[in-house]
N, C-alpha and C. Protein backbone atom coordinates (compact mmCIF):
# COMPACT_ATOMS: atom_id res chain seq x y z
N UNK A 1 70.79 105.94 112.87
CA UNK A 1 71.16 104.83 112.58
C UNK A 1 72.70 104.70 111.86
N UNK A 2 73.75 103.86 111.43
CA UNK A 2 74.66 104.06 111.36
C UNK A 2 74.74 104.32 110.09
N UNK A 3 73.42 103.39 109.36
CA UNK A 3 73.44 102.85 108.16
C UNK A 3 73.23 104.10 107.51
N UNK A 4 72.17 104.85 108.11
CA UNK A 4 71.72 105.85 107.94
C UNK A 4 72.66 107.71 108.15
N UNK A 5 72.95 107.35 108.64
CA UNK A 5 74.32 108.12 108.61
C UNK A 5 75.61 108.29 107.65
N UNK A 6 75.53 106.77 107.34
CA UNK A 6 76.90 106.96 106.57
C UNK A 6 75.39 107.19 104.97
N UNK A 7 74.18 107.10 105.07
CA UNK A 7 73.90 107.66 103.10
C UNK A 7 73.76 109.33 103.38
N UNK A 8 73.74 109.34 104.71
CA UNK A 8 73.91 111.23 104.29
C UNK A 8 74.88 112.01 104.51
N UNK A 9 76.35 111.45 104.31
CA UNK A 9 77.45 111.65 104.28
C UNK A 9 78.01 112.90 103.07
N UNK A 10 77.07 112.25 102.58
CA UNK A 10 77.23 113.13 101.27
C UNK A 10 76.02 112.66 99.43
N UNK A 11 75.88 113.51 98.55
CA UNK A 11 74.66 113.33 98.17
C UNK A 11 75.33 112.18 97.39
N UNK A 12 76.34 111.71 96.73
CA UNK A 12 76.70 110.62 96.36
C UNK A 12 76.62 109.31 97.21
N UNK A 13 76.65 109.00 98.43
CA UNK A 13 76.56 108.16 99.19
C UNK A 13 74.69 108.35 99.58
N UNK A 14 73.82 109.26 99.60
CA UNK A 14 73.28 108.97 99.32
C UNK A 14 72.21 108.28 98.12
N UNK A 15 72.24 108.86 97.04
CA UNK A 15 71.60 108.39 95.43
C UNK A 15 72.04 107.16 95.66
N UNK A 16 73.67 106.79 96.04
CA UNK A 16 74.12 105.19 96.10
C UNK A 16 73.19 104.49 96.86
N UNK A 17 72.62 104.74 98.14
CA UNK A 17 70.97 103.97 99.17
C UNK A 17 70.18 103.77 97.89
N UNK A 18 70.02 104.55 97.75
CA UNK A 18 68.38 105.29 96.42
C UNK A 18 68.73 103.78 95.48
N UNK A 19 69.36 104.07 94.81
CA UNK A 19 69.71 103.21 94.35
C UNK A 19 69.95 101.46 94.39
N UNK A 20 70.03 101.24 95.76
CA UNK A 20 70.63 99.98 96.17
C UNK A 20 68.37 99.52 96.39
N UNK A 21 68.24 100.41 97.26
CA UNK A 21 66.90 100.50 97.63
C UNK A 21 65.73 100.13 95.90
N UNK A 22 66.09 100.87 94.79
CA UNK A 22 65.45 101.12 93.28
C UNK A 22 65.83 99.47 93.05
N UNK A 23 67.14 99.23 93.31
CA UNK A 23 67.53 97.61 92.54
C UNK A 23 66.95 96.53 93.20
N UNK A 24 66.62 97.27 94.59
CA UNK A 24 66.61 95.65 95.13
C UNK A 24 64.41 95.06 95.21
N UNK A 25 64.47 96.62 95.78
CA UNK A 25 63.04 96.07 95.61
C UNK A 25 62.16 96.91 94.85
N UNK A 26 62.39 97.31 93.78
CA UNK A 26 61.90 98.53 92.80
C UNK A 26 60.63 99.10 93.11
N UNK A 27 59.44 98.57 92.65
CA UNK A 27 57.68 99.28 93.29
C UNK A 27 57.32 97.67 93.93
N UNK A 28 57.92 96.75 94.28
CA UNK A 28 57.19 95.68 95.04
C UNK A 28 56.51 96.22 95.81
N UNK A 29 56.39 96.88 96.65
CA UNK A 29 55.55 97.21 97.63
C UNK A 29 55.13 98.25 97.88
N UNK A 30 54.05 98.86 96.43
CA UNK A 30 53.38 99.38 96.17
C UNK A 30 52.59 99.46 96.64
N UNK A 31 51.89 98.45 96.95
CA UNK A 31 50.42 98.35 97.23
C UNK A 31 50.72 97.73 99.50
N UNK A 32 51.45 98.32 99.34
CA UNK A 32 51.99 97.73 101.39
C UNK A 32 51.43 98.93 102.23
N UNK A 33 50.75 99.00 102.92
CA UNK A 33 50.27 100.18 103.80
C UNK A 33 51.55 99.76 104.85
N UNK A 34 51.98 101.28 104.94
CA UNK A 34 53.76 101.08 106.00
C UNK A 34 53.44 101.38 107.44
N UNK A 35 53.12 101.22 107.83
CA UNK A 35 52.81 102.00 109.43
C UNK A 35 54.57 102.26 110.14
N UNK A 36 54.65 103.68 110.00
CA UNK A 36 55.90 104.62 110.30
C UNK A 36 55.73 104.84 111.61
N UNK A 37 54.94 104.99 112.40
CA UNK A 37 54.60 105.25 114.14
C UNK A 37 52.95 104.88 114.31
N UNK A 38 52.46 104.62 115.42
CA UNK A 38 51.21 104.66 115.97
C UNK A 38 50.19 105.16 115.24
N UNK A 39 50.98 106.71 114.83
CA UNK A 39 49.68 107.50 113.77
C UNK A 39 50.54 108.20 112.84
N UNK A 40 50.70 106.98 112.36
CA UNK A 40 51.25 107.95 111.41
C UNK A 40 51.85 105.82 109.97
N UNK A 41 50.90 106.11 108.77
CA UNK A 41 51.45 105.22 107.90
C UNK A 41 51.68 105.71 106.59
N UNK A 42 51.89 104.93 105.25
CA UNK A 42 52.62 105.85 104.03
C UNK A 42 52.14 104.83 103.45
N UNK A 43 52.58 105.38 101.96
CA UNK A 43 52.19 104.17 100.45
C UNK A 43 52.03 104.53 99.29
N UNK A 44 51.39 103.28 98.54
CA UNK A 44 50.88 103.85 97.04
C UNK A 44 49.74 104.25 97.31
N UNK A 45 49.08 104.81 95.87
CA UNK A 45 47.47 105.30 95.93
C UNK A 45 46.89 104.28 96.36
N UNK A 46 45.56 104.55 96.96
CA UNK A 46 44.74 103.40 97.57
C UNK A 46 43.71 102.94 97.45
N UNK A 47 43.73 102.16 97.55
CA UNK A 47 41.93 101.73 97.07
C UNK A 47 41.01 100.89 98.47
N UNK A 48 39.87 100.20 98.02
CA UNK A 48 39.19 100.54 98.95
C UNK A 48 39.89 99.75 100.28
N UNK A 49 41.08 99.06 100.33
CA UNK A 49 42.04 97.85 101.00
C UNK A 49 42.27 98.81 102.30
N UNK A 50 42.09 99.94 101.85
CA UNK A 50 42.67 101.23 102.87
C UNK A 50 41.54 101.34 103.95
N UNK A 51 40.00 101.01 103.53
CA UNK A 51 38.96 100.77 104.74
C UNK A 51 39.46 100.05 105.67
N UNK A 52 39.69 98.46 105.70
CA UNK A 52 39.80 97.58 106.04
C UNK A 52 41.64 97.23 107.44
N UNK A 53 42.01 98.69 106.91
CA UNK A 53 43.42 98.08 107.14
C UNK A 53 43.14 98.19 109.02
N UNK A 54 44.40 97.94 109.88
CA UNK A 54 43.80 97.80 111.22
C UNK A 54 45.66 97.28 111.84
N UNK A 55 45.73 98.74 112.68
CA UNK A 55 47.44 98.16 113.20
C UNK A 55 46.69 98.15 114.72
N UNK A 56 47.33 97.29 115.58
CA UNK A 56 47.36 97.03 117.23
C UNK A 56 45.79 98.05 117.28
N UNK A 57 44.80 97.32 116.54
CA UNK A 57 43.46 98.13 116.55
C UNK A 57 43.32 99.09 116.45
N UNK A 58 43.80 100.24 115.74
CA UNK A 58 43.75 101.55 114.96
C UNK A 58 43.60 101.56 113.42
N UNK A 59 42.92 102.24 112.78
CA UNK A 59 42.25 102.58 111.90
C UNK A 59 42.91 103.69 110.54
N UNK A 60 42.92 103.69 110.14
CA UNK A 60 42.95 104.84 109.16
C UNK A 60 41.98 105.84 108.96
N UNK A 61 42.31 107.25 110.15
CA UNK A 61 41.34 108.37 110.52
C UNK A 61 41.54 109.12 108.70
N UNK A 62 42.80 108.99 108.87
CA UNK A 62 42.98 110.64 108.10
C UNK A 62 43.85 110.21 106.57
N UNK A 63 44.16 111.17 105.65
CA UNK A 63 44.29 110.81 104.52
C UNK A 63 45.89 112.35 104.04
N UNK A 64 46.62 112.05 103.92
CA UNK A 64 47.60 113.01 102.83
C UNK A 64 47.98 112.52 101.60
N UNK A 65 47.23 112.89 100.82
CA UNK A 65 47.28 112.50 99.14
C UNK A 65 48.26 114.21 98.29
N UNK A 66 49.27 113.39 98.15
CA UNK A 66 50.43 114.15 97.52
C UNK A 66 50.60 114.29 95.75
N UNK A 67 49.29 113.80 95.80
CA UNK A 67 49.59 114.03 94.18
C UNK A 67 48.60 114.20 92.91
N UNK A 68 48.64 114.60 92.34
CA UNK A 68 47.93 116.44 91.68
C UNK A 68 46.62 115.49 90.87
N UNK A 69 46.24 114.33 91.97
CA UNK A 69 44.77 114.02 91.20
C UNK A 69 43.98 113.63 93.05
N UNK A 70 42.54 113.59 92.92
CA UNK A 70 41.58 113.10 93.82
C UNK A 70 41.77 111.58 93.84
N UNK A 71 41.48 111.52 95.10
CA UNK A 71 41.01 109.57 95.54
C UNK A 71 40.17 109.13 95.14
N UNK A 72 40.27 108.24 94.87
CA UNK A 72 39.14 107.18 93.50
C UNK A 72 37.94 107.18 94.41
N UNK A 73 36.65 106.54 94.35
CA UNK A 73 35.83 106.70 94.85
C UNK A 73 35.62 105.54 96.06
N UNK A 74 36.63 104.73 95.57
CA UNK A 74 36.55 103.31 96.77
C UNK A 74 36.98 104.39 97.69
N UNK A 75 38.15 105.10 98.58
CA UNK A 75 38.75 105.58 99.52
C UNK A 75 37.03 107.04 99.44
N UNK A 76 36.89 107.91 98.67
CA UNK A 76 36.01 108.68 98.98
C UNK A 76 35.07 108.32 99.67
N UNK A 77 34.27 107.40 99.60
CA UNK A 77 33.50 107.02 100.02
C UNK A 77 33.45 106.62 101.70
N UNK A 78 34.30 106.44 102.03
CA UNK A 78 34.29 106.17 103.06
C UNK A 78 35.12 107.13 103.61
N UNK A 79 35.82 108.10 103.99
CA UNK A 79 36.12 109.30 104.43
C UNK A 79 35.51 110.46 104.44
N UNK A 80 35.71 111.11 105.40
CA UNK A 80 34.93 112.30 104.55
C UNK A 80 35.80 113.39 104.21
N UNK A 81 35.64 114.58 103.38
CA UNK A 81 36.02 115.37 102.91
C UNK A 81 36.92 116.68 103.47
N UNK A 82 36.52 116.26 105.09
CA UNK A 82 37.49 116.98 105.94
C UNK A 82 38.95 115.93 106.81
N UNK A 83 38.69 115.01 106.17
CA UNK A 83 39.79 114.21 106.23
C UNK A 83 40.85 114.18 105.45
N UNK A 84 40.73 114.54 104.10
CA UNK A 84 41.80 114.21 103.33
C UNK A 84 41.83 115.31 102.75
N UNK A 85 43.15 115.62 102.72
CA UNK A 85 44.83 116.76 102.22
C UNK A 85 44.92 116.24 101.25
N UNK A 86 44.53 117.13 100.26
CA UNK A 86 45.49 116.93 98.67
C UNK A 86 46.34 118.08 98.00
N UNK A 87 47.68 117.22 97.88
CA UNK A 87 48.09 118.85 97.81
C UNK A 87 49.30 118.48 96.66
N UNK A 88 48.61 118.20 95.60
CA UNK A 88 48.59 118.60 94.29
C UNK A 88 50.25 118.52 93.93
N UNK A 89 50.97 118.16 94.63
CA UNK A 89 52.70 117.91 94.61
C UNK A 89 53.10 116.77 93.32
N UNK A 90 54.57 117.43 92.46
CA UNK A 90 54.30 116.94 91.04
C UNK A 90 56.05 115.82 92.04
N UNK A 91 55.89 115.21 91.10
CA UNK A 91 57.14 113.71 91.65
C UNK A 91 58.18 114.34 91.93
N UNK A 92 58.58 114.90 91.21
CA UNK A 92 60.06 116.17 90.92
C UNK A 92 60.15 117.76 90.42
N UNK A 93 60.69 118.49 91.01
CA UNK A 93 60.43 120.08 90.81
C UNK A 93 60.07 120.36 90.62
N UNK A 94 59.42 120.40 92.67
CA UNK A 94 58.39 120.83 92.94
C UNK A 94 58.67 121.72 94.25
N UNK A 95 60.18 121.42 94.37
CA UNK A 95 60.71 121.21 95.82
C UNK A 95 59.90 122.59 96.48
N UNK A 96 60.28 123.78 95.96
CA UNK A 96 59.27 125.54 96.41
C UNK A 96 57.92 124.99 96.69
N UNK A 97 57.09 124.37 96.31
CA UNK A 97 55.54 123.99 96.84
C UNK A 97 56.00 123.02 98.13
N UNK A 98 57.13 122.63 97.92
CA UNK A 98 56.78 121.05 98.62
C UNK A 98 57.60 121.81 100.08
N UNK A 99 57.90 122.50 100.31
CA UNK A 99 58.68 123.20 101.27
C UNK A 99 57.37 124.25 102.13
N UNK A 100 56.96 124.82 101.05
CA UNK A 100 55.45 125.87 101.54
C UNK A 100 54.67 125.19 102.25
N UNK A 101 54.23 123.43 101.73
CA UNK A 101 52.95 123.15 101.94
C UNK A 101 53.23 122.21 103.14
N UNK A 102 54.17 122.13 104.16
CA UNK A 102 55.13 121.52 104.50
C UNK A 102 54.15 121.92 106.04
N UNK A 103 54.22 122.84 106.38
CA UNK A 103 53.26 123.97 107.63
C UNK A 103 51.74 123.11 107.36
N UNK A 104 51.50 123.32 105.89
CA UNK A 104 49.59 122.94 105.95
C UNK A 104 49.88 121.08 106.55
N UNK A 105 50.67 120.59 106.35
CA UNK A 105 50.43 119.10 106.43
C UNK A 105 50.56 118.51 107.93
N UNK A 106 51.77 119.55 108.12
CA UNK A 106 51.86 119.40 109.79
C UNK A 106 50.54 119.42 110.74
N UNK A 107 50.39 121.11 110.46
CA UNK A 107 48.93 121.30 111.34
C UNK A 107 47.89 120.51 110.45
N UNK A 108 47.59 119.93 109.02
CA UNK A 108 46.60 118.88 108.90
C UNK A 108 46.79 118.36 110.39
N UNK A 109 47.36 117.08 110.53
CA UNK A 109 48.23 115.71 110.79
C UNK A 109 47.79 116.02 112.75
N UNK A 110 48.58 117.38 113.37
CA UNK A 110 48.48 117.53 114.63
C UNK A 110 46.51 117.67 114.65
N UNK A 111 45.42 118.81 114.16
CA UNK A 111 45.01 118.60 114.20
C UNK A 111 44.29 117.38 114.40
N UNK A 112 43.98 116.00 112.98
CA UNK A 112 43.53 115.08 113.47
C UNK A 112 43.86 114.18 115.06
N UNK A 113 45.42 114.33 115.22
CA UNK A 113 45.61 113.88 116.50
C UNK A 113 44.97 114.89 118.04
N UNK A 114 44.62 115.96 117.66
CA UNK A 114 44.28 116.67 118.53
C UNK A 114 42.61 115.81 118.85
N UNK A 115 41.87 115.88 117.59
CA UNK A 115 40.95 115.57 117.81
C UNK A 115 40.14 113.96 118.08
N UNK A 116 41.09 113.76 117.53
CA UNK A 116 40.91 112.21 118.46
C UNK A 116 42.02 111.39 118.23
N UNK A 117 43.20 110.92 119.87
CA UNK A 117 44.35 110.21 119.97
C UNK A 117 44.92 109.14 119.25
N UNK A 118 43.45 108.47 118.54
CA UNK A 118 43.88 107.22 118.07
C UNK A 118 44.06 107.04 116.53
N UNK A 119 44.06 109.00 115.92
CA UNK A 119 43.90 109.03 114.87
C UNK A 119 45.17 108.51 113.49
N UNK A 120 45.04 107.87 112.48
CA UNK A 120 46.36 106.70 111.87
C UNK A 120 45.89 107.58 110.28
N UNK A 121 46.98 108.62 109.86
CA UNK A 121 46.86 109.35 108.92
C UNK A 121 48.23 108.53 108.03
N UNK A 122 47.09 108.42 107.09
CA UNK A 122 48.26 107.73 105.74
C UNK A 122 48.02 108.92 104.62
N UNK A 123 49.70 108.85 104.57
CA UNK A 123 50.35 110.16 104.10
C UNK A 123 50.43 108.80 102.38
N UNK A 124 50.01 109.60 100.97
CA UNK A 124 50.46 108.26 100.25
C UNK A 124 51.13 109.67 98.90
N UNK A 125 51.85 108.98 97.51
CA UNK A 125 51.86 109.17 96.03
C UNK A 125 51.27 108.24 95.27
N UNK A 126 52.04 108.46 94.30
CA UNK A 126 51.24 106.49 93.68
C UNK A 126 52.02 105.65 93.97
N UNK A 127 53.47 105.31 94.69
CA UNK A 127 53.86 103.95 94.41
C UNK A 127 54.40 104.62 96.35
N UNK A 128 54.56 105.24 96.69
CA UNK A 128 55.30 105.75 98.47
C UNK A 128 56.61 105.26 97.79
N UNK A 129 57.18 106.01 97.02
CA UNK A 129 58.60 105.49 97.47
C UNK A 129 59.28 107.00 97.53
N UNK A 130 58.87 107.96 96.77
CA UNK A 130 59.26 109.09 96.80
C UNK A 130 58.28 110.74 97.51
N UNK A 131 57.25 110.71 97.01
CA UNK A 131 57.04 112.02 97.70
C UNK A 131 55.90 111.51 99.03
N UNK A 132 55.65 110.54 99.50
CA UNK A 132 54.96 110.32 100.43
C UNK A 132 56.43 110.06 101.28
N UNK A 133 58.02 109.67 101.37
CA UNK A 133 58.08 109.10 102.23
C UNK A 133 59.09 109.97 103.10
N UNK A 134 58.87 111.27 101.86
CA UNK A 134 59.61 112.67 101.78
C UNK A 134 58.86 113.62 102.58
N UNK A 135 57.62 112.97 102.76
CA UNK A 135 56.82 114.20 103.98
C UNK A 135 56.56 113.63 105.41
N UNK A 136 56.53 112.09 105.27
CA UNK A 136 56.51 111.60 106.22
C UNK A 136 57.66 111.56 107.22
N UNK A 137 59.46 111.68 106.34
CA UNK A 137 60.07 112.55 107.15
C UNK A 137 59.97 113.53 108.08
N UNK A 138 59.37 115.27 107.17
CA UNK A 138 59.20 116.00 107.46
C UNK A 138 58.34 115.80 108.91
N UNK A 139 57.00 115.17 108.21
CA UNK A 139 56.30 114.67 110.13
C UNK A 139 56.50 114.55 111.07
N UNK A 140 58.20 113.31 110.61
CA UNK A 140 58.39 113.11 111.51
C UNK A 140 59.68 114.19 112.66
N UNK A 141 60.15 115.25 111.87
CA UNK A 141 60.81 115.69 112.12
C UNK A 141 59.78 117.32 113.38
N UNK A 142 58.86 117.52 111.83
CA UNK A 142 57.78 118.24 113.28
C UNK A 142 56.79 117.97 114.96
N UNK A 143 56.63 116.30 114.50
CA UNK A 143 56.22 115.93 115.78
C UNK A 143 56.52 115.06 116.68
N UNK A 144 57.53 114.56 116.00
CA UNK A 144 58.45 113.80 116.82
C UNK A 144 59.83 114.67 117.57
N UNK A 145 59.80 115.63 116.60
CA UNK A 145 61.52 116.15 116.45
C UNK A 145 62.95 115.36 116.53
N UNK A 146 62.23 114.42 115.25
CA UNK A 146 62.91 113.56 115.48
C UNK A 146 64.06 114.25 114.16
N UNK A 147 65.11 113.98 113.89
CA UNK A 147 66.76 114.44 113.30
C UNK A 147 66.03 113.68 112.17
N UNK A 148 66.87 114.47 110.91
CA UNK A 148 67.16 113.77 109.65
C UNK A 148 67.65 112.26 109.62
N UNK A 149 68.44 112.43 110.65
CA UNK A 149 69.20 110.61 110.29
C UNK A 149 68.09 110.14 111.02
N UNK A 150 67.67 110.22 111.82
CA UNK A 150 66.44 109.53 112.88
C UNK A 150 65.34 109.42 111.56
N UNK A 151 64.49 110.29 111.04
CA UNK A 151 63.95 110.40 110.18
C UNK A 151 63.76 109.32 108.75
N UNK A 152 65.30 109.91 108.57
CA UNK A 152 65.50 108.79 107.28
C UNK A 152 65.02 107.13 108.08
N UNK A 153 65.63 107.16 108.71
CA UNK A 153 66.15 105.04 109.48
C UNK A 153 64.69 105.31 109.73
N UNK A 154 63.95 105.41 110.33
CA UNK A 154 62.10 105.46 110.44
C UNK A 154 61.75 105.12 109.21
N UNK A 155 61.66 105.72 108.41
CA UNK A 155 60.98 105.17 107.44
C UNK A 155 61.56 104.81 106.25
N UNK A 156 62.43 104.70 106.18
CA UNK A 156 63.52 103.43 105.46
C UNK A 156 62.97 102.06 106.11
N UNK A 157 63.08 101.88 107.40
CA UNK A 157 62.59 100.60 108.25
C UNK A 157 61.15 100.08 107.95
N UNK A 158 60.40 100.82 108.15
CA UNK A 158 59.38 101.05 107.89
C UNK A 158 58.73 100.65 105.63
N UNK A 159 59.53 100.92 104.99
CA UNK A 159 59.37 100.40 103.71
C UNK A 159 60.71 100.79 103.35
N UNK A 160 61.30 99.81 103.23
CA UNK A 160 62.40 99.83 102.36
C UNK A 160 63.04 100.16 101.47
N UNK A 161 62.25 100.15 100.34
CA UNK A 161 61.76 100.35 99.04
C UNK A 161 61.78 101.56 99.12
N UNK A 162 61.37 102.92 99.20
CA UNK A 162 61.60 104.10 99.63
C UNK A 162 63.11 104.72 99.09
N UNK A 163 62.77 105.51 98.19
CA UNK A 163 63.62 106.50 97.83
C UNK A 163 63.63 108.34 97.61
N UNK A 164 63.45 109.12 98.66
CA UNK A 164 62.76 110.27 98.42
C UNK A 164 63.83 111.18 97.63
N UNK A 165 63.36 112.02 96.95
CA UNK A 165 64.50 113.02 95.84
C UNK A 165 63.76 114.15 97.12
N UNK A 166 63.11 114.67 97.63
CA UNK A 166 62.15 115.81 98.34
C UNK A 166 63.73 116.05 99.50
N UNK A 167 65.19 114.99 99.11
CA UNK A 167 65.72 115.55 100.93
C UNK A 167 66.18 116.95 100.78
N UNK A 168 66.29 117.80 100.43
CA UNK A 168 67.12 118.47 100.38
C UNK A 168 66.27 119.16 101.17
N UNK A 169 64.44 119.88 100.73
CA UNK A 169 63.53 120.96 101.15
C UNK A 169 63.20 119.89 103.14
N UNK A 170 63.19 118.16 102.49
CA UNK A 170 63.79 117.75 104.56
C UNK A 170 64.77 118.16 105.03
N UNK A 171 66.35 118.20 104.42
CA UNK A 171 67.10 118.93 105.28
C UNK A 171 67.23 120.47 105.81
N UNK A 172 66.66 121.44 104.70
CA UNK A 172 66.19 122.47 105.36
C UNK A 172 65.62 122.68 106.57
N UNK A 173 64.46 121.73 106.06
CA UNK A 173 63.44 122.00 107.23
C UNK A 173 64.16 121.33 108.53
N UNK A 174 64.58 120.13 108.48
CA UNK A 174 65.25 120.12 109.62
C UNK A 174 66.29 121.28 110.72
N UNK A 175 67.12 121.94 109.73
CA UNK A 175 67.77 123.10 110.44
C UNK A 175 66.87 124.03 110.87
N UNK A 176 65.45 124.18 110.42
CA UNK A 176 64.82 125.13 110.51
C UNK A 176 64.22 124.31 111.72
N UNK A 177 64.03 124.10 112.20
CA UNK A 177 62.42 122.95 113.17
C UNK A 177 63.44 123.01 114.28
N UNK A 178 64.85 122.22 114.05
CA UNK A 178 65.89 121.71 114.87
C UNK A 178 66.83 122.68 115.68
N UNK A 179 66.89 123.23 114.65
CA UNK A 179 68.19 124.49 114.91
C UNK A 179 69.47 124.05 114.87
N UNK A 180 69.45 122.50 114.43
CA UNK A 180 70.72 122.21 113.34
C UNK A 180 70.32 121.23 112.49
N UNK A 181 71.91 120.97 111.76
CA UNK A 181 71.57 119.78 110.67
C UNK A 181 72.42 118.87 111.15
N UNK A 182 72.06 117.30 110.76
CA UNK A 182 72.15 116.18 110.56
C UNK A 182 72.04 115.35 109.06
N UNK A 183 72.30 116.51 108.22
CA UNK A 183 72.30 116.07 107.01
C UNK A 183 72.55 117.27 106.23
N UNK A 184 74.26 117.76 106.85
CA UNK A 184 74.42 119.39 105.47
C UNK A 184 74.68 119.36 104.58
N UNK A 185 75.49 118.26 104.27
CA UNK A 185 75.61 117.69 102.73
C UNK A 185 74.29 117.10 101.58
N UNK A 186 72.97 116.50 102.67
CA UNK A 186 72.12 116.92 101.37
C UNK A 186 71.20 118.58 101.88
N UNK A 187 71.24 118.84 102.86
CA UNK A 187 70.80 120.47 103.08
C UNK A 187 71.56 121.62 101.86
N UNK A 188 72.19 121.20 101.88
CA UNK A 188 73.33 121.95 101.04
C UNK A 188 73.55 121.30 99.31
N UNK A 189 72.82 120.25 99.10
CA UNK A 189 73.39 119.56 97.30
C UNK A 189 72.09 119.91 96.78
N UNK A 190 71.55 119.00 95.77
CA UNK A 190 70.65 119.35 94.57
C UNK A 190 69.37 119.05 94.96
N UNK A 191 68.50 120.12 94.06
CA UNK A 191 67.17 119.88 94.18
C UNK A 191 66.51 118.68 94.12
N UNK A 192 65.29 118.30 93.96
CA UNK A 192 65.15 117.01 93.73
C UNK A 192 64.61 117.11 92.01
N UNK A 193 65.27 117.53 91.15
CA UNK A 193 65.45 117.25 90.03
C UNK A 193 66.67 117.41 89.64
N UNK A 194 67.66 117.03 90.05
CA UNK A 194 69.28 117.47 90.58
C UNK A 194 69.33 115.87 90.66
N UNK A 195 68.55 115.41 91.99
CA UNK A 195 68.21 114.07 92.56
C UNK A 195 67.96 113.16 90.72
N UNK A 196 67.26 113.68 90.36
CA UNK A 196 66.31 113.09 89.18
C UNK A 196 67.88 112.24 88.12
N UNK A 197 68.14 113.39 87.72
CA UNK A 197 69.68 113.33 86.89
C UNK A 197 70.41 112.33 87.77
N UNK A 198 70.75 112.39 88.78
CA UNK A 198 71.71 111.31 89.01
C UNK A 198 71.15 110.26 89.03
N UNK A 199 69.87 109.42 89.36
CA UNK A 199 69.51 108.26 89.58
C UNK A 199 69.10 107.60 88.57
N UNK A 200 69.71 107.72 87.74
CA UNK A 200 70.00 107.18 85.82
C UNK A 200 68.29 106.66 85.82
N UNK A 201 67.14 107.66 86.15
CA UNK A 201 66.09 107.01 85.68
C UNK A 201 65.68 106.14 86.00
N UNK A 202 65.71 106.79 87.72
CA UNK A 202 65.31 105.94 88.66
C UNK A 202 63.38 105.88 88.21
N UNK A 203 62.74 106.29 88.11
CA UNK A 203 61.60 106.40 87.70
C UNK A 203 60.64 105.67 86.55
N UNK A 204 61.92 105.30 85.54
CA UNK A 204 61.79 104.24 84.76
C UNK A 204 61.43 102.55 85.45
N UNK A 205 61.82 102.43 86.65
CA UNK A 205 62.01 101.45 86.58
C UNK A 205 61.59 100.49 87.70
N UNK A 206 60.69 99.37 87.11
CA UNK A 206 59.50 98.73 87.56
C UNK A 206 60.21 97.22 88.14
N UNK A 207 61.49 96.65 88.44
CA UNK A 207 61.74 95.72 88.64
C UNK A 207 61.59 95.73 90.33
N UNK A 208 62.13 94.55 90.84
CA UNK A 208 61.97 94.40 92.20
C UNK A 208 62.01 92.30 92.15
N UNK A 209 60.96 92.48 91.16
CA UNK A 209 61.04 90.75 91.50
C UNK A 209 59.89 90.74 92.53
N UNK A 210 60.40 89.16 93.69
CA UNK A 210 60.08 89.34 95.02
C UNK A 210 60.94 89.97 95.92
N UNK A 211 61.60 90.33 95.97
CA UNK A 211 61.92 90.88 97.21
C UNK A 211 61.24 91.56 98.30
N UNK A 212 59.92 92.35 97.64
CA UNK A 212 59.10 92.49 98.38
C UNK A 212 58.75 91.06 99.23
N UNK A 213 58.32 90.55 98.51
CA UNK A 213 57.31 89.68 99.30
C UNK A 213 58.87 88.96 100.26
N UNK A 214 59.80 88.54 100.58
CA UNK A 214 60.92 88.57 101.21
C UNK A 214 60.89 89.01 102.20
N UNK A 215 60.40 90.52 102.23
CA UNK A 215 61.15 91.21 102.94
C UNK A 215 59.63 91.68 104.08
N UNK A 216 58.41 91.19 103.54
CA UNK A 216 57.01 90.66 104.35
C UNK A 216 57.38 89.78 105.53
N UNK A 217 57.22 88.61 103.86
CA UNK A 217 57.44 87.96 105.13
C UNK A 217 58.61 87.20 106.63
N UNK A 218 60.02 88.14 106.44
CA UNK A 218 61.38 88.91 107.45
C UNK A 218 60.57 89.39 108.04
N UNK A 219 59.56 90.09 107.88
CA UNK A 219 58.75 91.34 108.85
C UNK A 219 57.60 91.48 109.61
N UNK A 220 56.83 89.84 108.99
CA UNK A 220 55.92 89.46 109.42
C UNK A 220 55.92 89.36 111.07
N UNK A 221 54.36 89.70 111.50
CA UNK A 221 54.66 89.10 113.09
C UNK A 221 54.05 88.08 113.71
């Protein structure tokens, strides 16, 4: 989209777009399960509600947990261990591991879809604003051959509260997978720790008011 292309024109432009998302939504969409593709959803740390989620007759069958801790019993009691991938990824400053984990995450999702064409993978972190969206973008690049710009647009359309920090790693991944870059400023820019410095305390903001509720109402089917 035009907005996504503008957002990746420079590091400053991307940071500004993330600040805008933070200021409008804060963490108001934490509990939402956001469907990005029929096979891919993302969000915050799940509870038992994940089991009952349905979209177009499809349910969550696999989980990619970006957190440094395991799922709660409300989740593990309903999902076989083989369908949960735990990454133990830090919220920032873990760019090398993020890049190393991507082939494993992509293989996990490919295998899930091969075993069950109706599989839905839920990718989550704590609030679904950084690690999970970053991973979802990489999955769209790998599985759908989406460009960085297309992947960012898809993820933000599904979950407008997101402000991914691992964008340098994702932009490098796009270059490796597609052989070209649609976000060279981010590919050659700062890593996730650098973005944290530019986000002026993004992690500490829990504002958002009723913006999330308004967004849900506007996008209700």
